[in-house]
Protein backbone atom coordinates (compact mmCIF):
# COMPACT_ATOMS: atom_id res chain seq x y z
CA MET A 1 -78.92 119.48 120.21
CA ARG A 2 -79.56 119.29 116.46
CA ARG A 3 -82.65 117.16 117.05
CA ILE A 4 -84.11 119.82 119.38
CA PHE A 5 -83.77 122.48 116.69
CA GLU A 6 -85.32 120.16 114.11
CA VAL A 7 -88.32 119.46 116.35
CA ALA A 8 -88.73 123.17 117.14
CA GLY A 9 -88.55 123.99 113.43
CA VAL A 10 -91.17 121.39 112.55
CA LEU A 11 -93.44 122.71 115.31
CA LEU A 12 -93.09 126.25 113.99
CA MET A 13 -93.88 125.09 110.46
CA VAL A 14 -96.94 123.15 111.62
CA TRP A 15 -98.19 126.08 113.71
CA GLY A 16 -97.65 128.49 110.83
CA ALA A 17 -99.34 126.24 108.27
CA GLY A 18 -102.17 125.45 110.69
CA GLY A 19 -102.64 129.15 111.35
CA LEU A 20 -102.81 129.90 107.64
CA ILE A 21 -105.39 127.17 107.12
CA HIS A 22 -107.31 128.54 110.10
CA GLU A 23 -107.28 132.06 108.66
CA TRP A 24 -108.25 131.06 105.13
CA ALA A 25 -110.62 128.15 105.69
CA GLY A 26 -111.65 128.39 109.33
CA TRP A 27 -110.29 124.93 110.19
CA PHE A 28 -107.68 123.82 112.72
CA HIS A 29 -108.76 126.01 115.60
CA ALA A 30 -106.48 124.18 118.02
CA TRP A 31 -103.36 124.33 115.81
CA GLY A 32 -103.18 128.06 115.32
CA VAL A 33 -101.06 129.93 117.82
CA VAL A 34 -101.08 133.43 116.39
CA HIS A 35 -104.83 133.98 116.57
CA LYS A 36 -104.78 133.15 120.29
CA LEU A 37 -102.21 135.81 121.17
CA GLY A 38 -104.06 138.96 120.13
CA TRP A 39 -100.86 140.90 119.47
CA PHE A 40 -101.17 140.38 115.75
CA GLU A 41 -104.73 141.66 115.34
CA GLY A 42 -105.18 142.23 111.61
CA TYR A 43 -101.77 140.74 110.74
CA GLU A 44 -102.46 137.08 111.46
CA VAL A 45 -101.74 135.87 107.91
CA TYR A 46 -98.36 137.63 107.81
CA ALA A 47 -97.43 136.37 111.26
CA ASN A 48 -98.30 132.79 110.29
CA ILE A 49 -96.22 133.05 107.11
CA VAL A 50 -93.27 134.33 109.14
CA LEU A 51 -93.77 131.52 111.65
CA ALA A 52 -93.79 128.83 108.95
CA VAL A 53 -90.76 130.29 107.14
CA ALA A 54 -88.84 130.61 110.40
CA GLY A 55 -89.54 126.94 111.10
CA LEU A 56 -88.32 125.97 107.64
CA VAL A 57 -85.14 128.00 108.08
CA LEU A 58 -84.52 126.39 111.47
CA VAL A 59 -84.92 122.87 110.06
CA VAL A 60 -82.65 123.57 107.08
CA ALA A 61 -80.02 125.24 109.25
CA SER A 62 -79.96 122.37 111.72
CA GLU A 63 -79.60 119.85 108.87
CA ARG A 64 -76.71 121.77 107.34
CA ALA A 65 -74.94 122.38 110.63
CA GLY A 66 -75.30 118.85 111.91
CA GLY A 67 -75.30 116.17 109.27
CA ALA A 68 -74.32 117.34 105.82
CA GLY A 69 -71.38 119.49 106.89
CA ARG A 70 -69.58 116.69 108.68
CA ALA A 71 -70.27 114.12 105.97
CA GLY A 72 -68.98 116.50 103.31
CA HIS A 73 -65.68 116.95 105.12
CA GLY A 74 -65.30 113.23 105.60
CA ASP A 75 -65.81 112.58 101.90
CA ALA A 76 -63.16 115.14 100.98
CA ASP A 77 -60.69 113.52 103.38
CA ALA A 78 -61.45 110.09 101.93
CA GLN A 79 -60.90 111.36 98.40
CA ARG A 80 -57.54 112.85 99.37
CA THR A 81 -56.52 109.54 100.91
CA ASP A 82 -57.62 107.62 97.81
CA ARG A 83 -55.67 109.91 95.52
CA ALA A 84 -52.57 109.62 97.68
CA GLY A 85 -52.93 105.83 97.73
CA ASP A 86 -53.33 105.66 93.95
CA ALA A 87 -50.28 107.79 93.32
CA GLY A 88 -48.09 105.70 95.60
CA GLY A 89 -49.53 102.33 94.59
CA THR A 90 -49.17 102.61 90.83
CA GLY A 91 -45.47 103.41 90.89
CA GLY A 92 -44.41 100.19 92.60
CA THR A 93 -46.62 97.68 90.80
CA GLY A 94 -44.03 96.71 88.24
CA GLY A 95 -45.92 97.93 85.21
CA THR A 96 -49.28 96.22 85.86
CA GLY A 97 -51.21 99.39 85.15
CA GLY A 98 -52.11 100.16 88.76
CA THR A 99 -54.23 97.07 89.36
CA GLY A 100 -52.29 96.18 92.47
CA VAL A 101 -51.38 92.70 91.22
CA ARG A 102 -47.69 91.81 91.68
């Protein structure tokens, strides 16, 4: 599901950027979506900016919700386990300084 939101976000960014280039330079006639609709007559630049920003927000939100959030929790759990292992392992080493050598 995350991949679908990423692809949709990238498409929105490309359409928004292509629309801006179309409005400012006259290129990318096929990439612009807003100028084909007609609803945004006179507001094409603003609509393309909103489209590109919405795509960026969608990509960032899907990255945070999917990958980074889970990895962050896993790292915190691993750190807790390491700390618990260090505390228990250094006490029974017989004075070796926590190296684990007996």
